[in-house]
Every structure is written in C-alpha cells, then in structure tokens.
Amino acid sequence: KKAEVFEWTGSSFEYTGSAIEPTVVLSGKSYETGVTVTGYEYYQGTTKLLSAPTQVGSYKVKVLYTSNNYTFTGYEQNYSIIEA
C-alpha cells in the first residue's frame, strides 16, 4: 500500500558536487490516508549519514512520515550518484 502513496523522484542522479536528495511525491491517495512527509534519512550501506550525500556511490534513502497520528520510518529507495 505504501507504493500507492509514494512515488520517488528518481533512482540515478548525475554527480554535481552538491547534495543529491531524492524525494517522494505524494499521490492522490495520500490525502485519503492522511500521510504527511516529515523528513528523510540517508544511508551508505548500513551507516546513517548526517546529511544527503554529495559523492559518486550507492546510497539508500528512507522517508519519514506520519499517517493518522502515527509516525513511521522505513519506506526506502536505493539510489546512486553516477559520474557526469
């Protein structure tokens, strides 16, 4: 059901030297379920990063969200930063 609510903006991004922050777009069903995105967490392997990555490599992003007064973490997407 989470996939019906969230759509990721991408899974592969060209290196720019700046932080790469894939985000989710809430679908129409999010309004029915009361979903609100509250933030994102970034990982390289199992290591949690302090901020969105800037270097070429493979990463994972987790979306933090609330739904009907409950807070959730864990809807995730793997993504990569590739050389331009």
N, C-alpha and C. Protein backbone atom coordinates (compact mmCIF):
# COMPACT_ATOMS: atom_id res chain seq x y z
N LYS A 1 0.82 -1.20 0.00
CA LYS A 1 0.00 0.00 0.00
C LYS A 1 0.86 1.26 0.00
N LYS A 2 2.05 1.20 0.58
CA LYS A 2 2.90 2.39 0.61
C LYS A 2 3.24 2.85 -0.80
N ALA A 3 3.44 1.90 -1.72
CA ALA A 3 3.80 2.25 -3.09
C ALA A 3 2.69 3.05 -3.76
N GLU A 4 1.45 2.89 -3.33
CA GLU A 4 0.35 3.65 -3.91
C GLU A 4 0.38 5.10 -3.44
N VAL A 5 1.04 5.35 -2.31
CA VAL A 5 1.07 6.69 -1.73
C VAL A 5 2.31 7.46 -2.18
N PHE A 6 3.47 6.78 -2.25
CA PHE A 6 4.73 7.44 -2.55
C PHE A 6 5.24 7.12 -3.94
N GLU A 7 5.75 8.13 -4.62
CA GLU A 7 6.46 7.95 -5.88
C GLU A 7 7.78 8.68 -5.74
N TRP A 8 8.91 7.98 -5.95
CA TRP A 8 10.23 8.60 -5.83
C TRP A 8 10.55 9.44 -7.05
N THR A 9 11.33 10.51 -6.85
CA THR A 9 11.68 11.40 -7.95
C THR A 9 12.77 10.82 -8.85
N GLY A 10 13.41 9.74 -8.45
CA GLY A 10 14.42 9.11 -9.29
C GLY A 10 15.27 8.14 -8.51
N SER A 11 16.08 7.34 -9.24
CA SER A 11 16.95 6.39 -8.57
C SER A 11 18.40 6.48 -9.04
N SER A 12 18.67 7.33 -10.03
CA SER A 12 20.02 7.53 -10.51
C SER A 12 20.20 9.00 -10.86
N PHE A 13 21.24 9.61 -10.29
CA PHE A 13 21.45 11.04 -10.45
C PHE A 13 22.90 11.30 -10.84
N GLU A 14 23.13 12.27 -11.72
CA GLU A 14 24.49 12.62 -12.10
C GLU A 14 25.16 13.45 -11.01
N TYR A 15 26.44 13.18 -10.83
CA TYR A 15 27.26 13.91 -9.86
C TYR A 15 27.27 15.40 -10.22
N THR A 16 27.04 16.24 -9.21
CA THR A 16 27.05 17.69 -9.42
C THR A 16 27.98 18.40 -8.44
N GLY A 17 28.45 17.66 -7.42
CA GLY A 17 29.23 18.28 -6.38
C GLY A 17 28.36 18.78 -5.23
N SER A 18 27.07 18.81 -5.44
CA SER A 18 26.11 19.23 -4.42
C SER A 18 25.39 18.01 -3.84
N ALA A 19 24.72 18.19 -2.74
CA ALA A 19 23.95 17.11 -2.12
C ALA A 19 22.85 16.65 -3.08
N ILE A 20 22.71 15.34 -3.18
CA ILE A 20 21.65 14.75 -4.01
C ILE A 20 20.57 14.23 -3.07
N GLU A 21 19.38 14.78 -3.20
CA GLU A 21 18.29 14.45 -2.29
C GLU A 21 17.06 13.96 -3.04
N PRO A 22 16.99 12.65 -3.34
CA PRO A 22 15.76 12.16 -3.95
C PRO A 22 14.62 12.36 -2.96
N THR A 23 13.48 12.70 -3.47
CA THR A 23 12.33 12.94 -2.60
C THR A 23 11.15 12.13 -3.11
N VAL A 24 10.12 12.06 -2.31
CA VAL A 24 8.90 11.39 -2.73
C VAL A 24 7.84 12.42 -3.05
N VAL A 25 7.01 12.05 -3.99
CA VAL A 25 5.83 12.84 -4.33
C VAL A 25 4.64 12.05 -3.82
N LEU A 26 3.76 12.70 -3.10
CA LEU A 26 2.59 12.02 -2.57
C LEU A 26 1.53 11.91 -3.66
N SER A 27 1.00 10.71 -3.84
CA SER A 27 -0.05 10.52 -4.84
C SER A 27 -1.37 10.98 -4.27
N GLY A 28 -2.41 10.96 -5.08
CA GLY A 28 -3.73 11.37 -4.65
C GLY A 28 -4.25 10.59 -3.45
N LYS A 29 -3.84 9.33 -3.32
CA LYS A 29 -4.31 8.50 -2.21
C LYS A 29 -3.78 9.00 -0.87
N SER A 30 -2.69 9.77 -0.88
CA SER A 30 -2.14 10.24 0.38
C SER A 30 -3.13 11.10 1.14
N TYR A 31 -3.94 11.82 0.40
CA TYR A 31 -4.92 12.67 1.06
C TYR A 31 -5.99 11.84 1.75
N GLU A 32 -6.30 10.69 1.18
CA GLU A 32 -7.28 9.79 1.78
C GLU A 32 -6.72 9.13 3.04
N THR A 33 -5.41 8.88 3.06
CA THR A 33 -4.80 8.18 4.19
C THR A 33 -4.20 9.14 5.21
N GLY A 34 -4.20 10.44 4.93
CA GLY A 34 -3.68 11.41 5.88
C GLY A 34 -2.18 11.38 6.04
N VAL A 35 -1.45 11.09 4.97
CA VAL A 35 0.01 10.97 5.03
C VAL A 35 0.67 12.34 4.89
N THR A 36 1.66 12.61 5.76
CA THR A 36 2.47 13.82 5.67
C THR A 36 3.94 13.43 5.78
N VAL A 37 4.75 13.82 4.81
CA VAL A 37 6.20 13.55 4.86
C VAL A 37 6.82 14.53 5.85
N THR A 38 7.63 13.98 6.79
CA THR A 38 8.25 14.83 7.81
C THR A 38 9.77 14.95 7.64
N GLY A 39 10.37 14.12 6.77
CA GLY A 39 11.81 14.22 6.55
C GLY A 39 12.36 12.98 5.88
N TYR A 40 13.70 12.94 5.75
CA TYR A 40 14.40 11.84 5.09
C TYR A 40 15.64 11.47 5.87
N GLU A 41 16.04 10.20 5.79
CA GLU A 41 17.31 9.72 6.35
C GLU A 41 18.10 9.10 5.20
N TYR A 42 19.42 9.30 5.21
CA TYR A 42 20.29 8.82 4.14
C TYR A 42 21.29 7.83 4.70
N TYR A 43 21.57 6.76 3.95
CA TYR A 43 22.48 5.71 4.38
C TYR A 43 23.44 5.35 3.25
N GLN A 44 24.66 4.98 3.64
CA GLN A 44 25.60 4.34 2.73
C GLN A 44 25.87 2.99 3.36
N GLY A 45 25.36 1.94 2.74
CA GLY A 45 25.37 0.62 3.38
C GLY A 45 24.48 0.68 4.60
N THR A 46 25.01 0.30 5.76
CA THR A 46 24.22 0.37 6.99
C THR A 46 24.56 1.61 7.83
N THR A 47 25.45 2.45 7.30
CA THR A 47 25.87 3.65 8.03
C THR A 47 24.94 4.82 7.72
N LYS A 48 24.34 5.37 8.78
CA LYS A 48 23.47 6.54 8.61
C LYS A 48 24.34 7.77 8.40
N LEU A 49 24.02 8.54 7.36
CA LEU A 49 24.77 9.75 7.05
C LEU A 49 24.15 10.95 7.76
N LEU A 50 24.96 11.95 8.03
CA LEU A 50 24.47 13.14 8.71
C LEU A 50 23.62 14.02 7.80
N SER A 51 23.83 13.88 6.48
CA SER A 51 23.07 14.67 5.51
C SER A 51 23.06 13.93 4.18
N ALA A 52 22.38 14.49 3.21
CA ALA A 52 22.32 13.88 1.88
C ALA A 52 23.73 13.79 1.28
N PRO A 53 24.05 12.69 0.59
CA PRO A 53 25.40 12.52 0.05
C PRO A 53 25.70 13.44 -1.13
N THR A 54 27.00 13.68 -1.33
CA THR A 54 27.45 14.53 -2.43
C THR A 54 28.36 13.78 -3.40
N GLN A 55 28.88 12.63 -3.00
CA GLN A 55 29.89 11.91 -3.79
C GLN A 55 29.28 10.78 -4.62
N VAL A 56 29.99 10.39 -5.68
CA VAL A 56 29.59 9.26 -6.51
C VAL A 56 29.52 8.01 -5.62
N GLY A 57 28.47 7.22 -5.76
CA GLY A 57 28.34 5.99 -4.98
C GLY A 57 26.89 5.52 -4.92
N SER A 58 26.67 4.46 -4.13
CA SER A 58 25.34 3.88 -3.95
C SER A 58 24.84 4.19 -2.56
N TYR A 59 23.59 4.57 -2.47
CA TYR A 59 23.01 5.02 -1.22
C TYR A 59 21.59 4.48 -1.05
N LYS A 60 21.05 4.71 0.14
CA LYS A 60 19.66 4.38 0.41
C LYS A 60 19.05 5.59 1.12
N VAL A 61 17.83 5.92 0.76
CA VAL A 61 17.10 7.00 1.43
C VAL A 61 15.83 6.41 2.02
N LYS A 62 15.52 6.81 3.26
CA LYS A 62 14.28 6.41 3.92
C LYS A 62 13.43 7.64 4.12
N VAL A 63 12.15 7.50 3.86
CA VAL A 63 11.24 8.62 4.09
C VAL A 63 10.64 8.48 5.49
N LEU A 64 10.56 9.59 6.19
CA LEU A 64 9.92 9.64 7.50
C LEU A 64 8.56 10.29 7.28
N TYR A 65 7.52 9.69 7.81
CA TYR A 65 6.20 10.25 7.56
C TYR A 65 5.23 9.94 8.69
N THR A 66 4.16 10.69 8.73
CA THR A 66 3.09 10.45 9.68
C THR A 66 1.84 10.06 8.89
N SER A 67 1.01 9.26 9.51
CA SER A 67 -0.25 8.86 8.90
C SER A 67 -1.25 8.62 10.01
N ASN A 68 -2.30 9.40 10.00
CA ASN A 68 -3.35 9.25 11.01
C ASN A 68 -2.78 9.26 12.43
N ASN A 69 -1.92 10.26 12.70
CA ASN A 69 -1.33 10.49 14.03
C ASN A 69 -0.29 9.45 14.45
N TYR A 70 0.18 8.59 13.54
CA TYR A 70 1.26 7.65 13.82
C TYR A 70 2.48 8.08 13.02
N THR A 71 3.67 7.90 13.59
CA THR A 71 4.90 8.25 12.90
C THR A 71 5.57 6.98 12.40
N PHE A 72 6.04 7.00 11.14
CA PHE A 72 6.65 5.83 10.52
C PHE A 72 8.03 6.18 9.96
N THR A 73 8.89 5.20 9.91
CA THR A 73 10.17 5.29 9.23
C THR A 73 10.32 3.99 8.47
N GLY A 74 10.98 4.00 7.36
CA GLY A 74 11.30 2.73 6.75
C GLY A 74 10.91 2.55 5.31
N TYR A 75 10.05 3.39 4.76
CA TYR A 75 9.80 3.27 3.33
C TYR A 75 11.05 3.78 2.65
N GLU A 76 11.72 2.91 1.89
CA GLU A 76 13.05 3.26 1.41
C GLU A 76 13.23 3.00 -0.07
N GLN A 77 14.28 3.63 -0.60
CA GLN A 77 14.62 3.51 -2.01
C GLN A 77 16.14 3.52 -2.13
N ASN A 78 16.69 2.60 -2.90
CA ASN A 78 18.11 2.64 -3.22
C ASN A 78 18.30 3.62 -4.36
N TYR A 79 19.42 4.33 -4.35
CA TYR A 79 19.72 5.21 -5.45
C TYR A 79 21.22 5.35 -5.60
N SER A 80 21.63 5.91 -6.72
CA SER A 80 23.05 6.07 -6.97
C SER A 80 23.34 7.46 -7.52
N ILE A 81 24.57 7.89 -7.24
CA ILE A 81 25.10 9.10 -7.84
C ILE A 81 26.18 8.61 -8.79
N ILE A 82 26.05 8.98 -10.07
CA ILE A 82 26.98 8.48 -11.09
C ILE A 82 27.81 9.64 -11.64
N GLU A 83 28.95 9.29 -12.22
CA GLU A 83 29.82 10.32 -12.79
C GLU A 83 29.13 10.98 -13.98
N ALA A 84 29.32 12.27 -14.10
CA ALA A 84 28.68 13.03 -15.19
C ALA A 84 29.36 12.73 -16.50
